[in-house]
Amino acid sequence: NNAVNPFQPKPMHLVTAHEINEQWEVTVSATFFLSISLAKEMINGESGTIVNILTPLIEEKNVKGFSSYLMAKQGLQALTKVQASEFNPMGVRVLSISPPFMKTNLTNSWNHALTSKMGSSKINSTKKIASIIYNIVTENDNPGTGENYIIN
């Protein structure tokens, strides 16, 4: 799951309740209900893997402009841990991945001064991220108990 509601980074005091609610609904609530539906099939087959996409920003201290986004991603991180604690004993692995910042259609309109501070990475395409996720998921020693893999 990599669902996130499109947003523009802005100071916290300018964020509306509507923006917070939309971000939460798309990022957390939708993931919650989708994972229940998918987990039923995985539990019946006693195998499967749920991967939620987070952000390295959840580990940072200076994240001005990302209040609604990070509130939702922190909620998704908590959901990942809950999913793991409930589904892993029934054979379903659950983990999260935190890929580096990448230019996408979502971020193209963001202020360059802001995005330039987010660093760059050699991992700069969704194709590379997908390949890394595939490698992590197919590793047999990955327990899937709610780990978050930060990709640099």
N, C-alpha and C. Protein backbone atom coordinates (compact mmCIF):
# COMPACT_ATOMS: atom_id res chain seq x y z
N ASN A 1 0.83 -1.18 0.00
CA ASN A 1 0.00 0.00 0.00
C ASN A 1 0.87 1.23 0.00
N ASN A 2 0.62 2.11 -0.93
CA ASN A 2 1.34 3.38 -0.99
C ASN A 2 0.35 4.52 -1.19
N ALA A 3 -0.85 4.36 -0.70
CA ALA A 3 -1.85 5.40 -0.90
C ALA A 3 -1.54 6.63 -0.04
N VAL A 4 -1.64 7.78 -0.67
CA VAL A 4 -1.50 9.05 0.04
C VAL A 4 -2.32 10.08 -0.74
N ASN A 5 -2.96 10.95 -0.01
CA ASN A 5 -3.75 11.99 -0.65
C ASN A 5 -2.82 13.10 -1.14
N PRO A 6 -2.98 13.57 -2.37
CA PRO A 6 -2.13 14.67 -2.84
C PRO A 6 -2.21 15.87 -1.90
N PHE A 7 -1.06 16.50 -1.65
CA PHE A 7 -1.03 17.65 -0.76
C PHE A 7 0.13 18.56 -1.14
N GLN A 8 0.08 19.77 -0.65
CA GLN A 8 1.17 20.72 -0.77
C GLN A 8 1.75 20.94 0.62
N PRO A 9 3.04 20.73 0.81
CA PRO A 9 3.61 21.03 2.12
C PRO A 9 3.35 22.49 2.48
N LYS A 10 2.96 22.70 3.73
CA LYS A 10 2.72 24.06 4.20
C LYS A 10 2.79 24.09 5.71
N PRO A 11 2.96 25.29 6.28
CA PRO A 11 3.04 25.40 7.74
C PRO A 11 1.80 24.81 8.41
N MET A 12 2.02 24.21 9.56
CA MET A 12 0.96 23.53 10.28
C MET A 12 -0.25 24.42 10.56
N HIS A 13 -0.01 25.68 10.86
CA HIS A 13 -1.13 26.56 11.20
C HIS A 13 -2.02 26.89 10.00
N LEU A 14 -1.60 26.50 8.81
CA LEU A 14 -2.39 26.74 7.60
C LEU A 14 -3.14 25.49 7.12
N VAL A 15 -2.90 24.35 7.76
CA VAL A 15 -3.54 23.10 7.38
C VAL A 15 -4.98 23.09 7.90
N THR A 16 -5.90 22.66 7.05
CA THR A 16 -7.31 22.62 7.45
C THR A 16 -7.70 21.24 7.99
N ALA A 17 -8.79 21.21 8.72
CA ALA A 17 -9.31 19.94 9.22
C ALA A 17 -9.65 19.02 8.05
N HIS A 18 -10.17 19.59 6.99
CA HIS A 18 -10.51 18.81 5.80
C HIS A 18 -9.27 18.11 5.23
N GLU A 19 -8.14 18.82 5.16
CA GLU A 19 -6.90 18.23 4.64
C GLU A 19 -6.40 17.08 5.53
N ILE A 20 -6.50 17.28 6.84
CA ILE A 20 -6.08 16.23 7.77
C ILE A 20 -6.98 15.01 7.61
N ASN A 21 -8.28 15.23 7.57
CA ASN A 21 -9.23 14.12 7.44
C ASN A 21 -9.03 13.36 6.13
N GLU A 22 -8.84 14.08 5.03
CA GLU A 22 -8.61 13.42 3.74
C GLU A 22 -7.34 12.57 3.76
N GLN A 23 -6.28 13.13 4.32
CA GLN A 23 -5.02 12.39 4.38
C GLN A 23 -5.18 11.13 5.22
N TRP A 24 -5.87 11.24 6.35
CA TRP A 24 -6.08 10.09 7.23
C TRP A 24 -6.95 9.03 6.54
N GLU A 25 -8.01 9.48 5.90
CA GLU A 25 -8.93 8.54 5.23
C GLU A 25 -8.22 7.72 4.16
N VAL A 26 -7.42 8.39 3.35
CA VAL A 26 -6.74 7.70 2.25
C VAL A 26 -5.59 6.83 2.76
N THR A 27 -4.79 7.37 3.66
CA THR A 27 -3.57 6.69 4.10
C THR A 27 -3.83 5.59 5.13
N VAL A 28 -4.69 5.86 6.10
CA VAL A 28 -4.87 4.92 7.21
C VAL A 28 -6.18 4.13 7.10
N SER A 29 -7.29 4.82 7.01
CA SER A 29 -8.58 4.12 7.02
C SER A 29 -8.72 3.18 5.83
N ALA A 30 -8.37 3.64 4.65
CA ALA A 30 -8.48 2.78 3.46
C ALA A 30 -7.57 1.56 3.60
N THR A 31 -6.37 1.76 4.11
CA THR A 31 -5.44 0.65 4.31
C THR A 31 -5.99 -0.35 5.33
N PHE A 32 -6.60 0.16 6.38
CA PHE A 32 -7.19 -0.69 7.41
C PHE A 32 -8.21 -1.64 6.79
N PHE A 33 -9.17 -1.08 6.04
CA PHE A 33 -10.24 -1.91 5.49
C PHE A 33 -9.75 -2.81 4.35
N LEU A 34 -8.83 -2.32 3.54
CA LEU A 34 -8.26 -3.15 2.48
C LEU A 34 -7.49 -4.33 3.07
N SER A 35 -6.72 -4.07 4.12
CA SER A 35 -5.92 -5.15 4.70
C SER A 35 -6.80 -6.21 5.34
N ILE A 36 -7.93 -5.82 5.90
CA ILE A 36 -8.84 -6.82 6.46
C ILE A 36 -9.33 -7.75 5.36
N SER A 37 -9.72 -7.17 4.26
CA SER A 37 -10.21 -7.96 3.13
C SER A 37 -9.13 -8.90 2.59
N LEU A 38 -7.94 -8.38 2.40
CA LEU A 38 -6.84 -9.19 1.87
C LEU A 38 -6.37 -10.24 2.88
N ALA A 39 -6.32 -9.86 4.14
CA ALA A 39 -5.80 -10.76 5.16
C ALA A 39 -6.68 -12.01 5.31
N LYS A 40 -7.98 -11.87 5.10
CA LYS A 40 -8.85 -13.03 5.20
C LYS A 40 -8.41 -14.13 4.25
N GLU A 41 -8.10 -13.76 3.02
CA GLU A 41 -7.61 -14.74 2.04
C GLU A 41 -6.24 -15.27 2.42
N MET A 42 -5.36 -14.39 2.88
CA MET A 42 -4.01 -14.82 3.26
C MET A 42 -4.05 -15.75 4.46
N ILE A 43 -4.90 -15.45 5.43
CA ILE A 43 -5.01 -16.29 6.63
C ILE A 43 -5.53 -17.67 6.25
N ASN A 44 -6.51 -17.72 5.37
CA ASN A 44 -7.03 -19.03 4.92
C ASN A 44 -5.94 -19.86 4.25
N GLY A 45 -5.06 -19.20 3.52
CA GLY A 45 -3.96 -19.90 2.86
C GLY A 45 -2.72 -20.01 3.74
N GLU A 46 -2.78 -19.42 4.92
CA GLU A 46 -1.68 -19.41 5.88
C GLU A 46 -0.38 -18.87 5.29
N SER A 47 -0.50 -17.93 4.37
CA SER A 47 0.69 -17.27 3.85
C SER A 47 0.29 -15.97 3.17
N GLY A 48 1.27 -15.12 3.01
CA GLY A 48 1.06 -13.84 2.35
C GLY A 48 1.90 -12.77 3.03
N THR A 49 2.01 -11.64 2.36
CA THR A 49 2.79 -10.53 2.90
C THR A 49 2.07 -9.22 2.62
N ILE A 50 1.96 -8.40 3.64
CA ILE A 50 1.41 -7.05 3.50
C ILE A 50 2.58 -6.09 3.64
N VAL A 51 2.73 -5.18 2.68
CA VAL A 51 3.79 -4.18 2.71
C VAL A 51 3.14 -2.80 2.67
N ASN A 52 3.40 -2.01 3.68
CA ASN A 52 2.93 -0.63 3.72
C ASN A 52 4.11 0.29 3.46
N ILE A 53 3.86 1.36 2.73
CA ILE A 53 4.93 2.31 2.39
C ILE A 53 4.86 3.51 3.33
N LEU A 54 5.95 3.71 4.05
CA LEU A 54 6.07 4.85 4.97
C LEU A 54 7.01 5.89 4.36
N THR A 55 7.72 6.59 5.17
CA THR A 55 8.67 7.60 4.74
C THR A 55 9.77 7.73 5.77
N PRO A 56 11.01 7.97 5.34
CA PRO A 56 12.07 8.20 6.32
C PRO A 56 11.82 9.44 7.17
N LEU A 57 10.93 10.31 6.71
CA LEU A 57 10.63 11.52 7.48
C LEU A 57 10.04 11.22 8.86
N ILE A 58 9.48 10.02 9.05
CA ILE A 58 8.93 9.69 10.37
C ILE A 58 10.02 9.59 11.43
N GLU A 59 11.27 9.47 10.99
CA GLU A 59 12.40 9.40 11.92
C GLU A 59 13.09 10.74 12.11
N GLU A 60 12.69 11.74 11.34
CA GLU A 60 13.35 13.05 11.39
C GLU A 60 12.74 13.95 12.46
N LYS A 61 13.51 14.94 12.90
CA LYS A 61 13.01 15.90 13.90
C LYS A 61 12.54 17.20 13.25
N ASN A 62 13.14 17.60 12.17
CA ASN A 62 12.80 18.87 11.53
C ASN A 62 12.02 18.59 10.25
N VAL A 63 10.71 18.56 10.35
CA VAL A 63 9.87 18.19 9.21
C VAL A 63 8.79 19.25 8.96
N LYS A 64 9.18 20.47 8.97
CA LYS A 64 8.24 21.56 8.75
C LYS A 64 7.51 21.39 7.42
N GLY A 65 6.21 21.62 7.46
CA GLY A 65 5.40 21.58 6.25
C GLY A 65 4.71 20.26 5.97
N PHE A 66 4.96 19.26 6.79
CA PHE A 66 4.43 17.93 6.50
C PHE A 66 3.49 17.40 7.58
N SER A 67 2.81 18.28 8.29
CA SER A 67 2.02 17.84 9.45
C SER A 67 0.95 16.82 9.10
N SER A 68 0.07 17.10 8.14
CA SER A 68 -1.01 16.15 7.84
C SER A 68 -0.46 14.86 7.25
N TYR A 69 0.54 14.97 6.41
CA TYR A 69 1.17 13.80 5.79
C TYR A 69 1.81 12.90 6.84
N LEU A 70 2.59 13.50 7.73
CA LEU A 70 3.30 12.69 8.73
C LEU A 70 2.37 12.15 9.80
N MET A 71 1.32 12.87 10.14
CA MET A 71 0.34 12.33 11.08
C MET A 71 -0.25 11.04 10.50
N ALA A 72 -0.58 11.07 9.21
CA ALA A 72 -1.16 9.89 8.57
C ALA A 72 -0.12 8.77 8.45
N LYS A 73 1.11 9.10 8.09
CA LYS A 73 2.14 8.06 7.96
C LYS A 73 2.47 7.44 9.33
N GLN A 74 2.45 8.25 10.40
CA GLN A 74 2.65 7.68 11.74
C GLN A 74 1.49 6.75 12.09
N GLY A 75 0.28 7.13 11.69
CA GLY A 75 -0.87 6.25 11.89
C GLY A 75 -0.71 4.95 11.12
N LEU A 76 -0.17 5.05 9.91
CA LEU A 76 0.07 3.85 9.10
C LEU A 76 1.15 2.97 9.73
N GLN A 77 2.15 3.59 10.34
CA GLN A 77 3.18 2.83 11.03
C GLN A 77 2.55 2.06 12.21
N ALA A 78 1.67 2.71 12.95
CA ALA A 78 0.99 2.03 14.06
C ALA A 78 0.12 0.89 13.52
N LEU A 79 -0.60 1.15 12.42
CA LEU A 79 -1.42 0.11 11.82
C LEU A 79 -0.57 -1.08 11.38
N THR A 80 0.61 -0.82 10.85
CA THR A 80 1.52 -1.89 10.43
C THR A 80 1.86 -2.79 11.62
N LYS A 81 2.12 -2.18 12.76
CA LYS A 81 2.45 -2.95 13.96
C LYS A 81 1.24 -3.76 14.44
N VAL A 82 0.06 -3.17 14.36
CA VAL A 82 -1.17 -3.89 14.75
C VAL A 82 -1.42 -5.05 13.80
N GLN A 83 -1.31 -4.78 12.49
CA GLN A 83 -1.50 -5.85 11.51
C GLN A 83 -0.54 -7.00 11.78
N ALA A 84 0.72 -6.67 12.04
CA ALA A 84 1.73 -7.70 12.29
C ALA A 84 1.40 -8.51 13.53
N SER A 85 0.99 -7.83 14.59
CA SER A 85 0.71 -8.56 15.83
C SER A 85 -0.51 -9.47 15.68
N GLU A 86 -1.46 -9.09 14.84
CA GLU A 86 -2.66 -9.91 14.67
C GLU A 86 -2.52 -10.95 13.56
N PHE A 87 -1.88 -10.59 12.46
CA PHE A 87 -1.84 -11.48 11.30
C PHE A 87 -0.62 -12.41 11.25
N ASN A 88 0.52 -11.96 11.79
CA ASN A 88 1.74 -12.77 11.69
C ASN A 88 1.58 -14.14 12.34
N PRO A 89 0.95 -14.26 13.51
CA PRO A 89 0.78 -15.60 14.09
C PRO A 89 -0.07 -16.54 13.22
N MET A 90 -0.78 -15.98 12.25
CA MET A 90 -1.62 -16.80 11.36
C MET A 90 -0.96 -16.99 9.99
N GLY A 91 0.35 -16.69 9.90
CA GLY A 91 1.10 -16.97 8.69
C GLY A 91 1.23 -15.82 7.71
N VAL A 92 0.77 -14.62 8.09
CA VAL A 92 0.85 -13.46 7.19
C VAL A 92 1.95 -12.54 7.70
N ARG A 93 2.93 -12.28 6.85
CA ARG A 93 4.00 -11.35 7.21
C ARG A 93 3.54 -9.92 6.94
N VAL A 94 3.93 -9.00 7.80
CA VAL A 94 3.58 -7.59 7.65
C VAL A 94 4.82 -6.76 7.92
N LEU A 95 5.12 -5.84 7.01
CA LEU A 95 6.28 -4.97 7.17
C LEU A 95 6.03 -3.65 6.46
N SER A 96 6.92 -2.72 6.69
CA SER A 96 6.82 -1.45 5.98
C SER A 96 8.17 -1.11 5.37
N ILE A 97 8.12 -0.28 4.36
CA ILE A 97 9.30 0.19 3.64
C ILE A 97 9.24 1.72 3.67
N SER A 98 10.37 2.34 3.93
CA SER A 98 10.47 3.81 3.87
C SER A 98 11.47 4.20 2.79
N PRO A 99 10.97 4.42 1.57
CA PRO A 99 11.89 4.79 0.47
C PRO A 99 12.31 6.26 0.59
N PRO A 100 13.41 6.61 -0.06
CA PRO A 100 13.86 8.01 -0.04
C PRO A 100 12.93 8.89 -0.87
N PHE A 101 13.09 10.19 -0.70
CA PHE A 101 12.32 11.16 -1.48
C PHE A 101 12.62 10.97 -2.96
N MET A 102 11.57 11.01 -3.76
CA MET A 102 11.71 10.92 -5.21
C MET A 102 10.82 11.96 -5.86
N LYS A 103 11.26 12.50 -6.95
CA LYS A 103 10.41 13.39 -7.75
C LYS A 103 9.32 12.55 -8.40
N THR A 104 8.09 12.94 -8.18
CA THR A 104 6.94 12.25 -8.79
C THR A 104 5.94 13.30 -9.23
N ASN A 105 4.85 12.84 -9.84
CA ASN A 105 3.80 13.79 -10.21
C ASN A 105 3.25 14.51 -8.97
N LEU A 106 3.25 13.83 -7.84
CA LEU A 106 2.78 14.43 -6.59
C LEU A 106 3.71 15.55 -6.13
N THR A 107 5.01 15.36 -6.28
CA THR A 107 5.98 16.31 -5.71
C THR A 107 6.50 17.35 -6.70
N ASN A 108 6.18 17.21 -7.96
CA ASN A 108 6.71 18.13 -8.97
C ASN A 108 6.38 19.59 -8.71
N SER A 109 5.23 19.86 -8.10
CA SER A 109 4.82 21.25 -7.87
C SER A 109 5.29 21.79 -6.52
N TRP A 110 6.00 20.97 -5.75
CA TRP A 110 6.48 21.44 -4.45
C TRP A 110 7.61 22.45 -4.61
N ASN A 111 7.74 23.31 -3.65
CA ASN A 111 8.76 24.35 -3.63
C ASN A 111 10.15 23.71 -3.70
N HIS A 112 10.96 24.17 -4.65
CA HIS A 112 12.29 23.61 -4.85
C HIS A 112 13.17 23.80 -3.61
N ALA A 113 13.03 24.90 -2.91
CA ALA A 113 13.83 25.14 -1.71
C ALA A 113 13.55 24.05 -0.67
N LEU A 114 12.32 23.58 -0.61
CA LEU A 114 11.94 22.52 0.33
C LEU A 114 12.48 21.17 -0.13
N THR A 115 12.25 20.83 -1.38
CA THR A 115 12.66 19.50 -1.86
C THR A 115 14.17 19.36 -1.94
N SER A 116 14.90 20.44 -2.15
CA SER A 116 16.35 20.35 -2.21
C SER A 116 16.95 19.97 -0.86
N LYS A 117 16.23 20.26 0.23
CA LYS A 117 16.70 19.89 1.58
C LYS A 117 16.41 18.43 1.91
N MET A 118 15.63 17.77 1.07
CA MET A 118 15.23 16.40 1.36
C MET A 118 16.28 15.39 0.90
N GLY A 119 17.34 15.88 0.32
CA GLY A 119 18.42 14.99 -0.07
C GLY A 119 18.13 14.27 -1.37
N SER A 120 19.15 13.62 -1.84
CA SER A 120 18.99 12.84 -3.06
C SER A 120 19.50 11.43 -2.78
N SER A 121 19.11 10.55 -3.64
CA SER A 121 19.48 9.15 -3.48
C SER A 121 19.72 8.54 -4.85
N LYS A 122 20.53 7.51 -4.88
CA LYS A 122 20.72 6.78 -6.12
C LYS A 122 19.47 5.99 -6.47
N ILE A 123 18.66 5.77 -5.45
CA ILE A 123 17.39 5.07 -5.65
C ILE A 123 16.36 6.15 -5.97
N ASN A 124 16.19 6.43 -7.24
CA ASN A 124 15.38 7.58 -7.63
C ASN A 124 14.25 7.23 -8.59
N SER A 125 13.83 5.98 -8.58
CA SER A 125 12.71 5.62 -9.44
C SER A 125 11.84 4.59 -8.73
N THR A 126 10.57 4.60 -9.08
CA THR A 126 9.64 3.65 -8.49
C THR A 126 10.01 2.22 -8.89
N LYS A 127 10.60 2.06 -10.06
CA LYS A 127 11.02 0.73 -10.52
C LYS A 127 12.10 0.17 -9.59
N LYS A 128 13.06 1.01 -9.19
CA LYS A 128 14.11 0.56 -8.28
C LYS A 128 13.53 0.22 -6.91
N ILE A 129 12.60 1.04 -6.44
CA ILE A 129 11.95 0.78 -5.15
C ILE A 129 11.19 -0.55 -5.22
N ALA A 130 10.46 -0.76 -6.30
CA ALA A 130 9.71 -2.02 -6.45
C ALA A 130 10.65 -3.22 -6.42
N SER A 131 11.81 -3.09 -7.03
CA SER A 131 12.79 -4.18 -7.04
C SER A 131 13.31 -4.44 -5.62
N ILE A 132 13.57 -3.40 -4.88
CA ILE A 132 14.04 -3.55 -3.49
C ILE A 132 12.96 -4.20 -2.64
N ILE A 133 11.72 -3.75 -2.81
CA ILE A 133 10.61 -4.35 -2.06
C ILE A 133 10.50 -5.84 -2.39
N TYR A 134 10.59 -6.17 -3.65
CA TYR A 134 10.52 -7.57 -4.06
C TYR A 134 11.62 -8.39 -3.37
N ASN A 135 12.83 -7.85 -3.35
CA ASN A 135 13.94 -8.56 -2.71
C ASN A 135 13.70 -8.75 -1.21
N ILE A 136 13.19 -7.73 -0.55
CA ILE A 136 12.92 -7.83 0.89
C ILE A 136 11.82 -8.86 1.14
N VAL A 137 10.76 -8.80 0.35
CA VAL A 137 9.62 -9.70 0.55
C VAL A 137 9.99 -11.16 0.29
N THR A 138 10.87 -11.39 -0.67
CA THR A 138 11.21 -12.77 -1.02
C THR A 138 12.33 -13.36 -0.18
N GLU A 139 12.94 -12.55 0.70
CA GLU A 139 13.95 -13.07 1.61
C GLU A 139 13.28 -13.99 2.63
N ASN A 140 13.79 -15.17 2.76
CA ASN A 140 13.19 -16.13 3.69
C ASN A 140 13.41 -15.77 5.15
N ASP A 141 14.46 -14.99 5.44
CA ASP A 141 14.74 -14.66 6.83
C ASP A 141 14.01 -13.40 7.31
N ASN A 142 13.12 -12.87 6.48
CA ASN A 142 12.34 -11.70 6.87
C ASN A 142 11.14 -12.16 7.69
N PRO A 143 11.09 -11.83 8.99
CA PRO A 143 10.01 -12.34 9.83
C PRO A 143 8.64 -11.70 9.57
N GLY A 144 8.64 -10.45 9.08
CA GLY A 144 7.35 -9.80 8.83
C GLY A 144 6.56 -9.53 10.09
N THR A 145 7.25 -9.08 11.12
CA THR A 145 6.60 -8.80 12.40
C THR A 145 6.49 -7.30 12.66
N GLY A 146 6.32 -6.53 11.58
CA GLY A 146 6.13 -5.09 11.71
C GLY A 146 7.37 -4.25 11.49
N GLU A 147 8.43 -4.85 10.98
CA GLU A 147 9.67 -4.12 10.73
C GLU A 147 9.44 -2.98 9.73
N ASN A 148 10.26 -1.94 9.86
CA ASN A 148 10.28 -0.87 8.88
C ASN A 148 11.68 -0.81 8.27
N TYR A 149 11.75 -1.04 6.97
CA TYR A 149 13.02 -1.02 6.25
C TYR A 149 13.21 0.37 5.64
N ILE A 150 14.20 1.11 6.15
CA ILE A 150 14.49 2.43 5.61
C ILE A 150 15.49 2.25 4.48
N ILE A 151 15.11 2.71 3.31
CA ILE A 151 15.94 2.57 2.10
C ILE A 151 16.64 3.88 1.85
N ASN A 152 17.96 3.82 1.70
CA ASN A 152 18.73 5.04 1.44
C ASN A 152 19.21 5.10 0.02
